[in-house]
């Protein structure tokens, strides 16, 4: 677990999905599998370098009623996203 700050709020991340080097839809598929293991309101981090995640991840969250807290690119050109589990 680790703490990150999202929009000025401290958030505890309970797991990280490293999908660097994978192409869509695999980053979101791996995240989906991880989200099934989490309890309600827990947060997972997704690391990916495929630009398809910019479209696929928000769609996944909308369709599954999960909360996309943040999606940005870090200094290493890796997309970093935080998703909170909102439903079982």
N, C-alpha and C. Protein backbone atom coordinates (compact mmCIF):
# COMPACT_ATOMS: atom_id res chain seq x y z
N UNK A 1 0.84 -1.19 0.00
CA UNK A 1 0.00 0.00 0.00
C UNK A 1 0.88 1.24 0.00
N UNK A 2 0.31 2.28 -0.58
CA UNK A 2 1.02 3.55 -0.58
C UNK A 2 -0.01 4.67 -0.57
N UNK A 3 0.45 5.84 -0.19
CA UNK A 3 -0.41 7.03 -0.17
C UNK A 3 -0.05 7.93 -1.35
N UNK A 4 -1.08 8.45 -2.01
CA UNK A 4 -0.88 9.44 -3.06
C UNK A 4 -1.85 10.59 -2.80
N UNK A 5 -1.55 11.72 -3.39
CA UNK A 5 -2.44 12.87 -3.26
C UNK A 5 -3.16 13.08 -4.58
N UNK A 6 -4.49 13.11 -4.52
CA UNK A 6 -5.31 13.33 -5.71
C UNK A 6 -6.26 14.47 -5.40
N UNK A 7 -6.12 15.57 -6.15
CA UNK A 7 -6.95 16.75 -5.95
C UNK A 7 -6.91 17.23 -4.50
N UNK A 8 -5.72 17.21 -3.90
CA UNK A 8 -5.55 17.71 -2.55
C UNK A 8 -5.99 16.76 -1.46
N UNK A 9 -6.38 15.55 -1.82
CA UNK A 9 -6.87 14.59 -0.84
C UNK A 9 -5.92 13.39 -0.81
N UNK A 10 -5.57 12.94 0.40
CA UNK A 10 -4.72 11.76 0.55
C UNK A 10 -5.54 10.51 0.25
N UNK A 11 -5.01 9.65 -0.61
CA UNK A 11 -5.70 8.43 -1.02
C UNK A 11 -4.75 7.25 -0.80
N UNK A 12 -5.27 6.19 -0.20
CA UNK A 12 -4.49 4.97 0.00
C UNK A 12 -4.70 4.05 -1.19
N UNK A 13 -3.61 3.68 -1.82
CA UNK A 13 -3.64 2.76 -2.96
C UNK A 13 -3.31 1.37 -2.44
N UNK A 14 -4.22 0.41 -2.66
CA UNK A 14 -4.01 -0.93 -2.12
C UNK A 14 -3.33 -1.88 -3.09
N UNK A 15 -3.38 -1.57 -4.40
CA UNK A 15 -2.70 -2.45 -5.36
C UNK A 15 -2.33 -1.67 -6.62
N UNK A 16 -1.33 -2.19 -7.31
CA UNK A 16 -0.86 -1.58 -8.55
C UNK A 16 -0.89 -2.63 -9.66
N UNK A 17 -1.45 -2.23 -10.80
CA UNK A 17 -1.46 -3.07 -11.99
C UNK A 17 -0.45 -2.48 -12.96
N UNK A 18 0.63 -3.21 -13.19
CA UNK A 18 1.67 -2.75 -14.12
C UNK A 18 1.39 -3.34 -15.49
N UNK A 19 0.84 -2.51 -16.38
CA UNK A 19 0.50 -2.95 -17.73
C UNK A 19 1.40 -2.29 -18.77
N UNK A 20 2.56 -1.81 -18.34
CA UNK A 20 3.51 -1.19 -19.26
C UNK A 20 3.99 -2.25 -20.25
N UNK A 21 3.92 -1.91 -21.53
CA UNK A 21 4.33 -2.83 -22.58
C UNK A 21 3.17 -3.63 -23.16
N UNK A 22 2.00 -3.50 -22.56
CA UNK A 22 0.82 -4.21 -23.06
C UNK A 22 -0.03 -3.26 -23.89
N UNK A 23 -0.71 -3.80 -24.88
CA UNK A 23 -1.56 -3.00 -25.74
C UNK A 23 -3.02 -3.27 -25.44
N UNK A 24 -3.84 -2.27 -25.75
CA UNK A 24 -5.28 -2.38 -25.51
C UNK A 24 -5.83 -3.61 -26.19
N UNK A 25 -6.74 -4.27 -25.52
CA UNK A 25 -7.40 -3.88 -24.28
C UNK A 25 -6.76 -4.44 -23.02
N UNK A 26 -5.56 -5.03 -23.11
CA UNK A 26 -4.98 -5.73 -21.96
C UNK A 26 -4.80 -4.89 -20.70
N UNK A 27 -4.39 -3.61 -20.76
CA UNK A 27 -4.29 -2.86 -19.51
C UNK A 27 -5.61 -2.80 -18.75
N UNK A 28 -6.69 -2.57 -19.45
CA UNK A 28 -8.00 -2.48 -18.79
C UNK A 28 -8.47 -3.86 -18.34
N UNK A 29 -8.17 -4.89 -19.10
CA UNK A 29 -8.54 -6.26 -18.71
C UNK A 29 -7.81 -6.63 -17.41
N UNK A 30 -6.52 -6.32 -17.34
CA UNK A 30 -5.76 -6.61 -16.11
C UNK A 30 -6.31 -5.81 -14.93
N UNK A 31 -6.69 -4.55 -15.18
CA UNK A 31 -7.27 -3.74 -14.10
C UNK A 31 -8.59 -4.34 -13.64
N UNK A 32 -9.41 -4.77 -14.58
CA UNK A 32 -10.71 -5.36 -14.24
C UNK A 32 -10.53 -6.56 -13.32
N UNK A 33 -9.58 -7.42 -13.63
CA UNK A 33 -9.31 -8.60 -12.81
C UNK A 33 -8.88 -8.17 -11.40
N UNK A 34 -8.05 -7.16 -11.32
CA UNK A 34 -7.59 -6.66 -10.02
C UNK A 34 -8.74 -6.03 -9.23
N UNK A 35 -9.60 -5.29 -9.92
CA UNK A 35 -10.73 -4.63 -9.24
C UNK A 35 -11.66 -5.65 -8.60
N UNK A 36 -11.77 -6.83 -9.19
CA UNK A 36 -12.61 -7.88 -8.63
C UNK A 36 -12.11 -8.35 -7.27
N UNK A 37 -10.83 -8.17 -6.99
CA UNK A 37 -10.23 -8.58 -5.72
C UNK A 37 -10.39 -7.53 -4.62
N UNK A 38 -10.66 -6.29 -5.01
CA UNK A 38 -10.72 -5.20 -4.04
C UNK A 38 -12.06 -5.15 -3.32
N UNK A 39 -12.02 -4.54 -2.13
CA UNK A 39 -13.25 -4.27 -1.38
C UNK A 39 -13.79 -2.92 -1.83
N UNK A 40 -15.05 -2.65 -1.51
CA UNK A 40 -15.64 -1.35 -1.85
C UNK A 40 -14.80 -0.21 -1.31
N UNK A 41 -14.65 0.83 -2.10
CA UNK A 41 -13.93 2.07 -1.78
C UNK A 41 -12.40 1.91 -1.74
N UNK A 42 -11.89 0.75 -2.08
CA UNK A 42 -10.44 0.61 -2.19
C UNK A 42 -10.00 1.12 -3.56
N UNK A 43 -8.73 1.52 -3.65
CA UNK A 43 -8.21 2.16 -4.86
C UNK A 43 -7.08 1.33 -5.45
N UNK A 44 -7.14 1.18 -6.77
CA UNK A 44 -6.07 0.51 -7.53
C UNK A 44 -5.39 1.54 -8.42
N UNK A 45 -4.10 1.32 -8.64
CA UNK A 45 -3.30 2.15 -9.54
C UNK A 45 -3.05 1.35 -10.81
N UNK A 46 -3.18 1.99 -11.95
CA UNK A 46 -2.87 1.37 -13.24
C UNK A 46 -1.72 2.13 -13.88
N UNK A 47 -0.70 1.39 -14.29
CA UNK A 47 0.42 1.95 -15.04
C UNK A 47 0.37 1.38 -16.44
N UNK A 48 0.38 2.23 -17.45
CA UNK A 48 0.31 1.77 -18.84
C UNK A 48 1.01 2.77 -19.75
N UNK A 49 1.53 2.27 -20.87
CA UNK A 49 2.17 3.17 -21.83
C UNK A 49 1.45 3.19 -23.18
N UNK A 50 0.34 2.49 -23.27
CA UNK A 50 -0.45 2.48 -24.51
C UNK A 50 -1.49 3.60 -24.43
N UNK A 51 -1.45 4.50 -25.41
CA UNK A 51 -2.37 5.64 -25.43
C UNK A 51 -3.84 5.26 -25.49
N UNK A 52 -4.15 4.03 -25.86
CA UNK A 52 -5.53 3.59 -25.90
C UNK A 52 -6.21 3.64 -24.55
N UNK A 53 -5.41 3.66 -23.49
CA UNK A 53 -5.97 3.71 -22.13
C UNK A 53 -6.74 5.02 -21.91
N UNK A 54 -6.38 6.07 -22.65
CA UNK A 54 -7.08 7.36 -22.49
C UNK A 54 -8.55 7.25 -22.85
N UNK A 55 -8.88 6.38 -23.76
CA UNK A 55 -10.28 6.17 -24.15
C UNK A 55 -10.88 4.96 -23.43
N UNK A 56 -10.10 3.88 -23.36
CA UNK A 56 -10.63 2.63 -22.81
C UNK A 56 -10.92 2.70 -21.31
N UNK A 57 -10.05 3.35 -20.55
CA UNK A 57 -10.24 3.37 -19.10
C UNK A 57 -11.48 4.16 -18.67
N UNK A 58 -11.69 5.38 -19.17
CA UNK A 58 -12.93 6.08 -18.80
C UNK A 58 -14.18 5.31 -19.22
N UNK A 59 -14.13 4.64 -20.37
CA UNK A 59 -15.27 3.84 -20.82
C UNK A 59 -15.52 2.68 -19.87
N UNK A 60 -14.46 1.97 -19.48
CA UNK A 60 -14.58 0.87 -18.53
C UNK A 60 -15.21 1.37 -17.22
N UNK A 61 -14.71 2.47 -16.70
CA UNK A 61 -15.22 2.99 -15.42
C UNK A 61 -16.69 3.37 -15.53
N UNK A 62 -17.06 4.00 -16.62
CA UNK A 62 -18.46 4.39 -16.84
C UNK A 62 -19.36 3.15 -16.92
N UNK A 63 -18.94 2.16 -17.68
CA UNK A 63 -19.76 0.98 -17.90
C UNK A 63 -19.85 0.07 -16.68
N UNK A 64 -18.87 0.13 -15.79
CA UNK A 64 -18.87 -0.75 -14.62
C UNK A 64 -19.16 0.01 -13.33
N UNK A 65 -19.44 1.30 -13.44
CA UNK A 65 -19.73 2.15 -12.28
C UNK A 65 -18.58 2.21 -11.28
N UNK A 66 -17.35 2.19 -11.78
CA UNK A 66 -16.19 2.42 -10.92
C UNK A 66 -15.82 3.90 -11.05
N UNK A 67 -15.09 4.42 -10.08
CA UNK A 67 -14.79 5.85 -10.07
C UNK A 67 -13.34 6.09 -10.50
N UNK A 68 -13.18 6.78 -11.63
CA UNK A 68 -11.86 7.17 -12.10
C UNK A 68 -11.45 8.43 -11.35
N UNK A 69 -10.50 8.29 -10.44
CA UNK A 69 -10.07 9.42 -9.61
C UNK A 69 -9.09 10.32 -10.34
N UNK A 70 -8.26 9.71 -11.18
CA UNK A 70 -7.20 10.48 -11.84
C UNK A 70 -6.62 9.66 -12.99
N UNK A 71 -6.25 10.36 -14.06
CA UNK A 71 -5.55 9.74 -15.19
C UNK A 71 -4.62 10.79 -15.77
N UNK A 72 -3.32 10.54 -15.67
CA UNK A 72 -2.34 11.50 -16.17
C UNK A 72 -1.10 10.75 -16.65
N UNK A 73 -0.19 11.50 -17.24
CA UNK A 73 1.06 10.92 -17.74
C UNK A 73 2.18 11.45 -16.85
N UNK A 74 3.06 10.55 -16.40
CA UNK A 74 4.15 10.98 -15.54
C UNK A 74 5.37 11.40 -16.36
N UNK A 75 6.43 11.76 -15.67
CA UNK A 75 7.64 12.26 -16.35
C UNK A 75 8.32 11.20 -17.21
N UNK A 76 8.01 9.93 -16.98
CA UNK A 76 8.59 8.84 -17.75
C UNK A 76 7.71 8.42 -18.93
N UNK A 77 6.69 9.24 -19.24
CA UNK A 77 5.75 8.97 -20.34
C UNK A 77 4.88 7.73 -20.08
N UNK A 78 4.61 7.47 -18.81
CA UNK A 78 3.73 6.36 -18.42
C UNK A 78 2.42 6.96 -17.94
N UNK A 79 1.31 6.41 -18.43
CA UNK A 79 0.01 6.83 -17.91
C UNK A 79 -0.18 6.21 -16.54
N UNK A 80 -0.61 7.03 -15.60
CA UNK A 80 -0.87 6.59 -14.23
C UNK A 80 -2.32 6.93 -13.92
N UNK A 81 -3.09 5.91 -13.56
CA UNK A 81 -4.50 6.11 -13.26
C UNK A 81 -4.82 5.52 -11.89
N UNK A 82 -5.79 6.13 -11.23
CA UNK A 82 -6.27 5.65 -9.95
C UNK A 82 -7.77 5.44 -10.07
N UNK A 83 -8.21 4.22 -9.72
CA UNK A 83 -9.62 3.86 -9.84
C UNK A 83 -10.11 3.34 -8.50
N UNK A 84 -11.22 3.90 -8.05
CA UNK A 84 -11.83 3.49 -6.78
C UNK A 84 -12.99 2.54 -7.06
N UNK A 85 -13.02 1.44 -6.32
CA UNK A 85 -14.08 0.45 -6.49
C UNK A 85 -15.37 1.00 -5.87
N UNK A 86 -16.39 1.12 -6.69
CA UNK A 86 -17.67 1.68 -6.25
C UNK A 86 -18.79 0.63 -6.18
N UNK A 87 -18.57 -0.50 -6.82
CA UNK A 87 -19.59 -1.55 -6.78
C UNK A 87 -18.92 -2.91 -6.94
N UNK A 88 -19.61 -3.91 -6.45
CA UNK A 88 -19.09 -5.30 -6.48
C UNK A 88 -19.13 -5.88 -7.86
